[in-house]
Protein backbone atom coordinates (compact mmCIF):
# COMPACT_ATOMS: atom_id res chain seq x y z
CA MET A 1 -36.88 15.26 49.58
CA THR A 2 -40.17 16.98 48.79
CA TYR A 3 -42.87 15.31 46.68
CA GLN A 4 -41.93 17.48 43.67
CA GLU A 5 -38.22 16.71 44.11
CA CYS A 6 -39.14 13.04 44.24
CA LEU A 7 -41.08 13.27 40.97
CA ASP A 8 -38.23 15.20 39.33
CA TYR A 9 -35.81 12.49 40.39
CA LEU A 10 -38.05 9.74 38.97
CA TYR A 11 -38.68 11.53 35.67
CA GLN A 12 -35.00 12.36 35.20
CA GLN A 13 -33.40 9.12 36.41
CA LEU A 14 -35.78 6.46 35.16
CA PRO A 15 -36.65 5.97 31.46
CA MET A 16 -40.36 6.73 31.13
CA PHE A 17 -42.36 5.19 28.29
CA HIS A 18 -45.13 7.76 28.20
CA ARG A 19 -42.55 10.55 27.78
CA ILE A 20 -39.90 9.01 25.52
CA GLY A 21 -41.60 5.95 24.03
CA ASN A 22 -40.02 2.64 23.02
CA ALA A 23 -36.59 3.31 24.53
CA ALA A 24 -38.12 2.91 28.01
CA PHE A 25 -39.70 -0.49 27.29
CA LYS A 26 -37.66 -3.39 28.71
CA LYS A 27 -38.18 -6.67 26.86
CA SER A 28 -37.55 -8.74 29.95
CA LEU A 29 -38.97 -9.31 33.43
CA ASP A 30 -35.50 -9.41 35.02
CA ASN A 31 -35.65 -5.90 36.49
CA ILE A 32 -39.08 -6.23 38.09
CA ILE A 33 -38.13 -9.65 39.50
CA ALA A 34 -34.93 -8.18 40.97
CA LEU A 35 -36.81 -5.23 42.49
CA CYS A 36 -39.55 -7.38 44.01
CA ASP A 37 -37.03 -9.93 45.32
CA ALA A 38 -35.27 -7.09 47.15
CA LEU A 39 -38.63 -5.89 48.51
CA GLY A 40 -39.59 -9.33 49.87
CA GLN A 41 -41.75 -10.48 46.92
CA PRO A 42 -44.79 -8.34 47.73
CA GLN A 43 -46.58 -9.59 44.58
CA ASN A 44 -47.18 -12.89 46.40
CA GLN A 45 -48.71 -11.26 49.49
CA PHE A 46 -52.12 -10.24 48.11
CA LYS A 47 -54.76 -11.67 45.79
CA SER A 48 -55.30 -10.05 42.42
CA ILE A 49 -57.12 -9.80 39.11
CA HIS A 50 -54.93 -9.18 36.03
CA VAL A 51 -56.44 -7.14 33.17
CA ALA A 52 -54.92 -6.84 29.67
CA GLY A 53 -56.22 -5.69 26.29
CA THR A 54 -55.78 -2.97 23.68
CA ASN A 55 -58.89 -0.98 24.52
CA GLY A 56 -61.18 -1.30 27.52
CA LYS A 57 -58.70 -2.56 30.10
CA GLY A 58 -58.77 0.71 32.06
CA SER A 59 -62.57 0.99 32.18
CA SER A 60 -62.90 -2.73 33.00
CA SER A 61 -60.33 -2.44 35.81
CA HIS A 62 -62.17 0.48 37.38
CA MET A 63 -65.55 -1.29 37.13
CA LEU A 64 -64.17 -4.41 38.81
CA ALA A 65 -62.54 -2.37 41.58
CA ALA A 66 -65.75 -0.40 42.22
CA VAL A 67 -67.89 -3.55 42.50
CA LEU A 68 -65.43 -5.37 44.76
CA GLN A 69 -65.16 -2.34 47.01
CA GLU A 70 -68.96 -2.11 47.24
CA ALA A 71 -69.00 -5.82 48.14
CA GLY A 72 -66.91 -4.98 51.21
CA TYR A 73 -63.46 -6.03 50.04
CA LYS A 74 -60.47 -3.81 50.68
CA THR A 75 -59.54 -3.26 47.06
CA GLY A 76 -56.32 -2.11 45.43
CA LEU A 77 -56.28 -0.65 41.92
CA TYR A 78 -53.18 -0.20 39.78
CA THR A 79 -53.56 1.62 36.43
CA SER A 80 -51.41 3.63 34.03
CA PRO A 81 -50.60 6.17 32.78
CA HIS A 82 -51.78 8.90 35.11
CA LEU A 83 -53.60 11.95 33.75
CA LYS A 84 -52.94 14.62 36.37
CA SER A 85 -51.02 13.19 39.30
CA PHE A 86 -48.65 10.24 39.76
CA THR A 87 -50.67 9.14 42.79
CA GLU A 88 -53.67 8.27 40.55
CA ARG A 89 -51.83 5.12 39.49
CA VAL A 90 -52.11 3.39 42.87
CA ARG A 91 -55.33 3.41 44.90
CA VAL A 92 -56.79 1.52 47.83
CA ASN A 93 -60.58 1.75 48.17
CA GLY A 94 -60.52 4.68 45.78
CA GLU A 95 -57.99 6.68 47.81
CA GLU A 96 -54.87 7.69 45.91
CA LEU A 97 -51.39 6.71 47.08
CA PRO A 98 -50.25 9.20 49.77
CA GLU A 99 -47.53 11.52 48.42
CA GLU A 100 -45.41 10.88 51.50
CA TYR A 101 -45.43 7.12 50.82
CA LEU A 102 -43.90 7.71 47.38
CA VAL A 103 -41.23 10.03 48.82
CA HIS A 104 -40.33 7.54 51.58
CA PHE A 105 -40.25 4.62 49.13
CA VAL A 106 -37.91 6.43 46.75
CA GLU A 107 -35.60 7.69 49.52
CA GLN A 108 -35.46 4.22 51.05
CA HIS A 109 -34.66 2.41 47.79
CA LYS A 110 -32.48 4.84 45.82
CA VAL A 111 -29.45 2.55 46.11
CA LEU A 112 -31.55 -0.37 44.85
CA PHE A 113 -32.67 1.69 41.83
CA GLU A 114 -29.06 2.60 41.06
CA GLN A 115 -28.13 -1.10 41.14
CA VAL A 116 -31.08 -2.47 39.13
CA LYS A 117 -31.55 0.57 36.83
CA PRO A 118 -35.32 0.01 36.40
CA SER A 119 -37.58 1.94 34.08
CA PHE A 120 -40.11 4.36 35.56
CA PHE A 121 -42.84 1.77 34.97
CA GLU A 122 -40.91 -1.04 36.65
CA MET A 123 -40.31 1.12 39.71
CA THR A 124 -44.00 2.09 39.81
CA VAL A 125 -45.18 -1.53 39.61
CA ALA A 126 -42.83 -2.56 42.42
CA LEU A 127 -44.06 0.39 44.51
CA ALA A 128 -47.71 -0.57 43.91
CA PHE A 129 -47.13 -4.20 44.85
CA LYS A 130 -45.30 -3.19 48.03
CA TYR A 131 -48.06 -0.73 48.96
CA PHE A 132 -50.84 -3.27 48.41
CA ALA A 133 -48.96 -5.84 50.50
CA GLU A 134 -48.43 -3.38 53.35
CA GLU A 135 -52.05 -2.22 53.19
CA GLN A 136 -53.12 -5.89 53.34
CA VAL A 137 -55.70 -5.47 50.60
CA ASP A 138 -58.17 -8.31 50.14
CA ILE A 139 -57.72 -8.12 46.38
CA ALA A 140 -56.07 -5.78 43.87
CA VAL A 141 -57.05 -5.13 40.27
CA ILE A 142 -53.84 -4.84 38.24
CA GLU A 143 -53.99 -3.28 34.78
CA VAL A 144 -51.28 -4.29 32.31
CA GLY A 145 -49.21 -1.37 31.03
CA LEU A 146 -48.24 -2.61 27.56
CA GLY A 147 -48.79 -6.00 25.94
CA GLY A 148 -48.86 -8.67 28.64
CA ARG A 149 -46.21 -11.35 28.25
CA LEU A 150 -43.28 -9.04 29.06
CA ASP A 151 -45.20 -6.39 30.98
CA SER A 152 -43.78 -5.69 34.45
CA THR A 153 -47.11 -6.57 36.07
CA ASN A 154 -46.84 -10.13 34.73
CA ILE A 155 -45.13 -11.57 37.81
CA ILE A 156 -48.40 -11.96 39.73
CA THR A 157 -50.43 -15.15 39.91
CA PRO A 158 -53.97 -13.77 39.93
CA GLU A 159 -57.31 -15.27 40.91
CA VAL A 160 -58.52 -14.66 37.35
CA SER A 161 -57.16 -13.00 34.21
CA LEU A 162 -59.30 -10.77 31.97
CA ILE A 163 -58.41 -9.81 28.39
CA THR A 164 -60.50 -7.12 26.73
CA ASN A 165 -60.62 -5.99 23.09
CA ILE A 166 -57.63 -6.67 20.80
CA SER A 167 -56.85 -4.11 18.10
CA PHE A 168 -53.88 -2.38 16.50
CA ASP A 169 -51.67 -0.36 18.83
CA HIS A 170 -47.91 -0.35 19.52
CA GLN A 171 -47.39 -2.61 16.48
CA ASN A 172 -43.66 -1.87 16.52
CA MET A 173 -43.42 -3.71 19.85
CA LEU A 174 -46.36 -6.11 19.89
CA GLY A 175 -46.63 -7.21 16.25
CA ASP A 176 -48.55 -6.05 13.21
CA THR A 177 -51.34 -8.61 13.07
CA ILE A 178 -54.24 -9.18 15.47
CA GLY A 179 -52.93 -12.70 16.06
CA ALA A 180 -49.45 -11.46 17.02
CA ILE A 181 -50.86 -8.79 19.35
CA ALA A 182 -53.22 -11.36 20.90
CA ALA A 183 -50.24 -13.66 21.55
CA GLU A 184 -48.56 -10.91 23.61
CA LYS A 185 -51.79 -10.28 25.58
CA ALA A 186 -52.26 -14.04 26.04
CA GLY A 187 -48.98 -14.01 27.96
CA ILE A 188 -50.97 -13.20 31.12
CA ILE A 189 -52.86 -16.53 30.90
CA LYS A 190 -51.24 -18.68 33.58
CA PRO A 191 -51.34 -22.39 34.52
CA GLY A 192 -54.56 -23.26 36.32
CA VAL A 193 -55.76 -19.62 36.49
CA PRO A 194 -59.16 -19.08 34.84
CA ALA A 195 -59.12 -16.54 31.99
CA VAL A 196 -62.01 -14.44 30.70
CA ILE A 197 -62.07 -12.93 27.21
CA SER A 198 -64.40 -9.93 26.79
CA MET A 199 -65.05 -10.28 23.05
CA ARG A 200 -64.97 -12.96 20.37
CA GLN A 201 -62.58 -11.87 17.60
CA ALA A 202 -61.72 -14.54 15.02
CA GLU A 203 -57.95 -13.98 14.73
CA ALA A 204 -57.46 -13.51 18.46
CA GLU A 205 -59.78 -16.30 19.55
CA GLU A 206 -57.65 -19.18 18.29
CA VAL A 207 -54.58 -17.70 20.01
CA PHE A 208 -56.36 -17.61 23.38
CA VAL A 209 -57.76 -21.12 22.98
CA ALA A 210 -54.29 -22.49 22.17
CA LYS A 211 -52.60 -20.67 25.06
CA ALA A 212 -55.24 -21.77 27.60
CA ALA A 213 -54.93 -25.38 26.43
CA GLU A 214 -51.12 -25.19 26.63
CA VAL A 215 -51.09 -24.04 30.27
CA GLY A 216 -54.23 -25.80 31.49
CA ALA A 217 -56.32 -22.69 32.18
CA ALA A 218 -60.12 -22.67 32.04
CA LEU A 219 -61.21 -20.20 29.33
CA TYR A 220 -64.45 -18.22 29.26
CA PHE A 221 -65.55 -16.12 26.29
CA ALA A 222 -67.91 -13.61 27.93
CA PRO A 223 -70.31 -13.30 24.92
CA ASP A 224 -71.06 -17.02 25.27
CA TYR A 225 -72.65 -16.24 28.64
CA TYR A 226 -73.73 -12.61 28.50
CA SER A 227 -75.57 -10.40 26.03
CA LEU A 228 -76.79 -6.84 26.47
CA GLU A 229 -79.46 -4.51 25.17
CA VAL A 230 -79.02 -0.78 25.63
CA ALA A 231 -82.26 0.43 27.24
CA GLU A 232 -81.17 4.02 27.80
CA SER A 233 -78.09 6.05 27.00
CA ASP A 234 -77.08 9.67 27.47
CA LEU A 235 -73.92 11.63 28.09
CA LYS A 236 -73.69 10.64 31.75
CA HIS A 237 -74.76 7.02 31.99
CA GLN A 238 -76.19 3.95 30.26
CA VAL A 239 -78.84 1.44 31.28
CA PHE A 240 -78.70 -2.15 30.05
CA GLN A 241 -80.95 -5.16 29.99
CA VAL A 242 -78.57 -8.00 30.78
CA TYR A 243 -79.16 -11.58 29.65
CA ARG A 244 -77.19 -14.55 30.96
CA ASN A 245 -77.45 -17.82 29.05
CA ASN A 246 -80.28 -16.20 27.03
CA GLN A 247 -82.37 -15.57 30.15
CA THR A 248 -83.10 -12.17 31.65
CA TYR A 249 -80.52 -11.75 34.41
CA LEU A 250 -80.41 -8.08 35.41
CA SER A 251 -83.04 -5.56 34.41
CA ASP A 252 -82.13 -1.87 34.19
CA LEU A 253 -78.46 -2.26 35.12
CA GLU A 254 -77.03 1.24 35.30
CA LEU A 255 -73.44 2.10 34.36
CA ASP A 256 -72.13 5.62 34.96
CA LEU A 257 -69.58 5.29 32.14
CA ALA A 258 -70.94 6.65 28.87
CA GLY A 259 -69.40 5.75 25.51
CA VAL A 260 -70.73 3.10 23.15
CA TYR A 261 -67.62 0.97 23.69
CA GLN A 262 -68.61 0.09 27.27
CA GLN A 263 -71.11 -2.44 25.93
CA TYR A 264 -68.08 -4.52 24.82
CA ASN A 265 -66.38 -4.25 28.20
CA LEU A 266 -69.30 -5.02 30.49
CA PRO A 267 -69.78 -8.74 29.58
CA GLY A 268 -66.12 -9.40 30.45
CA VAL A 269 -66.51 -7.63 33.79
CA LEU A 270 -69.65 -9.60 34.64
CA GLN A 271 -68.08 -12.92 33.67
CA THR A 272 -64.96 -12.14 35.71
CA LEU A 273 -67.14 -11.44 38.76
CA ASP A 274 -68.95 -14.75 38.14
CA VAL A 275 -65.62 -16.61 38.16
CA LEU A 276 -64.65 -14.93 41.44
CA GLN A 277 -67.94 -15.99 43.00
CA ASP A 278 -68.38 -19.45 41.50
CA LEU A 279 -64.79 -20.68 41.56
CA LYS A 280 -63.01 -18.55 44.16
CA GLY A 281 -65.64 -18.13 46.87
CA TYR A 282 -66.09 -14.35 46.74
CA ASN A 283 -69.42 -12.94 47.87
CA ILE A 284 -70.65 -10.22 45.52
CA PRO A 285 -74.34 -9.45 46.16
CA GLU A 286 -76.46 -7.94 43.39
CA LYS A 287 -76.70 -4.69 45.37
CA ALA A 288 -72.91 -4.34 45.36
CA LEU A 289 -72.80 -5.06 41.63
CA ARG A 290 -75.44 -2.44 40.89
CA ASN A 291 -73.98 0.20 43.21
CA GLY A 292 -70.45 -0.36 41.94
CA LEU A 293 -71.35 -0.06 38.27
CA ALA A 294 -73.70 2.89 38.80
CA ASN A 295 -70.98 4.82 40.67
CA THR A 296 -67.69 3.63 39.15
CA LYS A 297 -66.37 7.14 38.49
CA SER A 298 -67.02 8.49 41.98
CA ILE A 299 -65.80 5.29 43.70
CA THR A 300 -62.54 4.94 41.73
CA GLY A 301 -61.83 8.43 40.40
CA LEU A 302 -61.89 7.36 36.74
CA LYS A 303 -61.43 10.25 34.31
CA GLY A 304 -61.10 10.80 30.59
CA ARG A 305 -63.54 8.17 29.31
CA TRP A 306 -66.20 9.96 27.24
CA GLN A 307 -66.13 12.65 29.90
CA VAL A 308 -68.39 15.69 29.58
CA LEU A 309 -66.43 18.81 30.54
CA GLN A 310 -69.11 21.45 29.91
CA GLN A 311 -72.39 22.22 28.13
CA ALA A 312 -73.11 24.89 25.48
CA PRO A 313 -70.97 24.12 23.62
CA LEU A 314 -71.04 20.48 24.67
CA THR A 315 -67.39 19.59 25.32
CA ILE A 316 -66.28 15.95 25.58
CA CYS A 317 -62.88 14.31 25.97
CA ASP A 318 -61.79 10.71 25.57
CA THR A 319 -58.42 8.99 25.86
CA GLY A 320 -59.10 6.56 22.96
CA HIS A 321 -56.07 6.83 20.69
CA ASN A 322 -55.82 3.87 18.31
CA GLU A 323 -57.86 2.88 15.26
CA ASP A 324 -60.48 0.93 17.14
CA GLY A 325 -60.73 3.53 19.92
CA ILE A 326 -61.15 6.37 17.42
CA LYS A 327 -63.84 4.42 15.51
CA GLN A 328 -65.83 4.06 18.74
CA ILE A 329 -65.42 7.78 19.49
CA LEU A 330 -66.65 8.74 16.02
CA GLN A 331 -69.65 6.46 16.50
CA GLY A 332 -70.43 8.27 19.78
CA LEU A 333 -70.10 11.69 18.15
CA GLU A 334 -72.36 10.64 15.29
CA LYS A 335 -75.05 9.61 17.77
CA LEU A 336 -75.12 13.20 19.07
CA VAL A 337 -76.17 14.41 15.59
CA PRO A 338 -74.11 17.58 16.07
CA LYS A 339 -74.47 20.66 13.88
CA GLN A 340 -70.67 20.81 13.78
CA VAL A 341 -67.78 19.11 15.58
CA HIS A 342 -64.70 21.10 16.58
CA MET A 343 -61.95 18.54 17.20
CA VAL A 344 -58.83 19.31 19.22
CA PHE A 345 -56.41 16.59 18.15
CA GLY A 346 -52.82 15.59 18.94
CA ALA A 347 -50.81 12.39 18.59
CA VAL A 348 -47.55 10.69 19.62
CA ASN A 349 -44.59 10.26 17.29
CA ASP A 350 -44.03 6.50 17.59
CA LYS A 351 -47.34 5.41 16.09
CA ASP A 352 -48.59 5.50 12.52
CA VAL A 353 -51.22 8.20 12.86
CA SER A 354 -52.04 8.14 9.11
CA LYS A 355 -54.62 5.34 9.42
CA ILE A 356 -56.37 7.19 12.25
CA LEU A 357 -56.44 10.46 10.29
CA GLN A 358 -58.04 8.64 7.37
CA LEU A 359 -60.94 7.69 9.67
CA LEU A 360 -61.69 11.30 10.65
CA PRO A 361 -64.47 13.17 8.80
CA SER A 362 -63.36 16.02 6.53
CA SER A 363 -66.46 17.97 7.65
CA TYR A 364 -65.08 18.54 11.18
CA THR A 365 -63.17 21.69 12.11
CA TYR A 366 -59.71 20.69 13.36
CA TYR A 367 -57.38 22.26 15.92
CA PHE A 368 -54.10 20.36 15.70
CA CYS A 369 -51.72 20.52 18.67
CA GLN A 370 -48.93 18.71 20.49
CA ALA A 371 -48.81 17.65 24.11
CA ASN A 372 -45.92 18.83 26.28
CA ILE A 373 -43.94 15.57 26.23
CA PRO A 374 -40.87 14.61 24.16
CA ARG A 375 -42.86 11.77 22.60
CA ALA A 376 -45.51 14.10 21.09
CA LEU A 377 -45.75 14.22 17.31
CA PRO A 378 -44.63 17.75 16.28
CA VAL A 379 -47.70 19.68 15.23
CA GLU A 380 -46.20 20.63 11.84
CA ASP A 381 -45.77 16.90 11.04
CA LEU A 382 -49.31 16.20 12.21
CA VAL A 383 -50.73 18.95 9.98
CA GLN A 384 -48.84 17.59 6.98
CA LYS A 385 -50.17 14.06 7.58
CA ALA A 386 -53.67 15.45 8.13
CA GLU A 387 -53.55 17.33 4.83
CA GLU A 388 -52.50 14.11 3.07
CA ALA A 389 -55.63 12.53 4.57
CA GLY A 390 -57.79 15.39 3.24
CA LEU A 391 -58.25 17.17 6.57
CA LYS A 392 -57.89 20.91 7.01
CA GLY A 393 -57.30 22.70 10.27
CA THR A 394 -55.24 25.18 12.23
CA SER A 395 -52.11 24.30 14.19
CA TYR A 396 -51.34 25.30 17.79
CA LEU A 397 -48.13 24.76 19.73
CA THR A 398 -49.95 23.81 22.93
CA VAL A 399 -53.07 21.90 23.90
CA ALA A 400 -54.32 24.87 25.93
CA GLU A 401 -54.15 27.21 22.91
CA ALA A 402 -56.00 24.72 20.73
CA ILE A 403 -58.77 24.31 23.31
CA LYS A 404 -59.05 28.08 23.74
CA ALA A 405 -59.46 28.52 19.97
CA ALA A 406 -62.07 25.77 19.75
CA LYS A 407 -64.08 27.38 22.55
CA ALA A 408 -63.87 30.77 20.82
CA ASN A 409 -65.11 29.36 17.50
CA ALA A 410 -67.78 26.85 18.58
CA ALA A 411 -71.40 27.99 18.72
CA PRO A 412 -73.40 26.99 21.84
CA ASP A 413 -75.26 24.27 19.92
CA GLU A 414 -72.08 22.70 18.48
CA VAL A 415 -69.72 20.08 19.92
CA ILE A 416 -66.07 20.28 20.94
CA PHE A 417 -64.14 17.01 21.20
CA ILE A 418 -60.64 16.80 22.73
CA GLY A 419 -58.46 13.74 22.21
CA GLY A 420 -56.26 11.74 19.84
CA SER A 421 -53.81 10.96 22.64
CA THR A 422 -54.01 10.30 26.38
CA PHE A 423 -51.48 13.10 26.82
CA VAL A 424 -53.66 15.67 25.08
CA VAL A 425 -56.48 14.80 27.49
CA ALA A 426 -54.06 15.00 30.42
CA GLU A 427 -53.43 18.69 29.67
CA ILE A 428 -57.09 19.74 29.90
CA GLU A 429 -57.18 22.21 32.80
CA GLU A 430 -60.70 21.42 34.01
CA LEU A 431 -60.33 17.62 33.84
């Protein structure tokens, strides 16, 4: 079996959420437990950090992995979905999963898959856990795929749990109030395992407090300990003055992730690192913290977060795709004070895109498109919904055509933005 044949087998045999949507989501941990039992319970053979949240969990996971790696720990990182290659999902010290490992794993366990009938995500989680166990990582940062309580990653007992921002996304599966969504995310809070919450949000807060009390977990709201001032910000990095307990803690802390939303993620990352040091005995020198945060992208391979693709016209992409994520993107675009924004925009068909479209400025020039996945919202439906929201634009059958048109129309001193869906960003050729 070649690597491509292996991928074809996985995509065809195993229901895949990012392609087909809700039908691939299993509301039970039975399959992942069965898989990991057959594999010798690898999830219990390495230490971990578990990261959930609506927005910010990917960036936070990469920051934590970068800092821990700089501190000298052999560090695993599991994230989803991938943008370009399956192997992006599983990394050790920044190195992607070897293609041959995936092929061998699938060949070896085909019979098991036929018995258990896992989803694509369940198989991937089991693979990651097995790989981290075999690689004998010192610690692995595990990003939740969807929700928390019933997510396949939720069979680990981590050193610390981190929950980032809570906002509306996947309401059809997670609930249609902030409290209900928070309850699903709170499912990763485990007995005796300290939990860090990146932001204080009234509706979510009481849910986390109740869950932590119920299971006897220490709870830390990061803003109670950390506050930030943005000292410098451009398209490539940000510099913060960091205060801990209202005292200057770190001056000129550089982060190589742009995007205004990172200021909400960073306190949670810092507090999680404090818990690892103060309660779990990890040694994370200031130099490792600074180096890790200043070089997160190069250390971990993070892509698609307020990423500059070219200058003149300035072209930026971002995977933010729900109401809160889009609000933060619009804030970032506004800060650029652009003469005009040309927005390449696509969406998926199992989310209510109407509320997002209502947030978008009517002054932008729009290039509506659909990603090449079954779950993409057909572009003719997207255009109709956009028109109902007062937006005018041109439709394109592919992401590539939409980007090509935007580049042809944008003047050198204007801005092109590409996003609306992770899967639109994934199809950018130069990513």
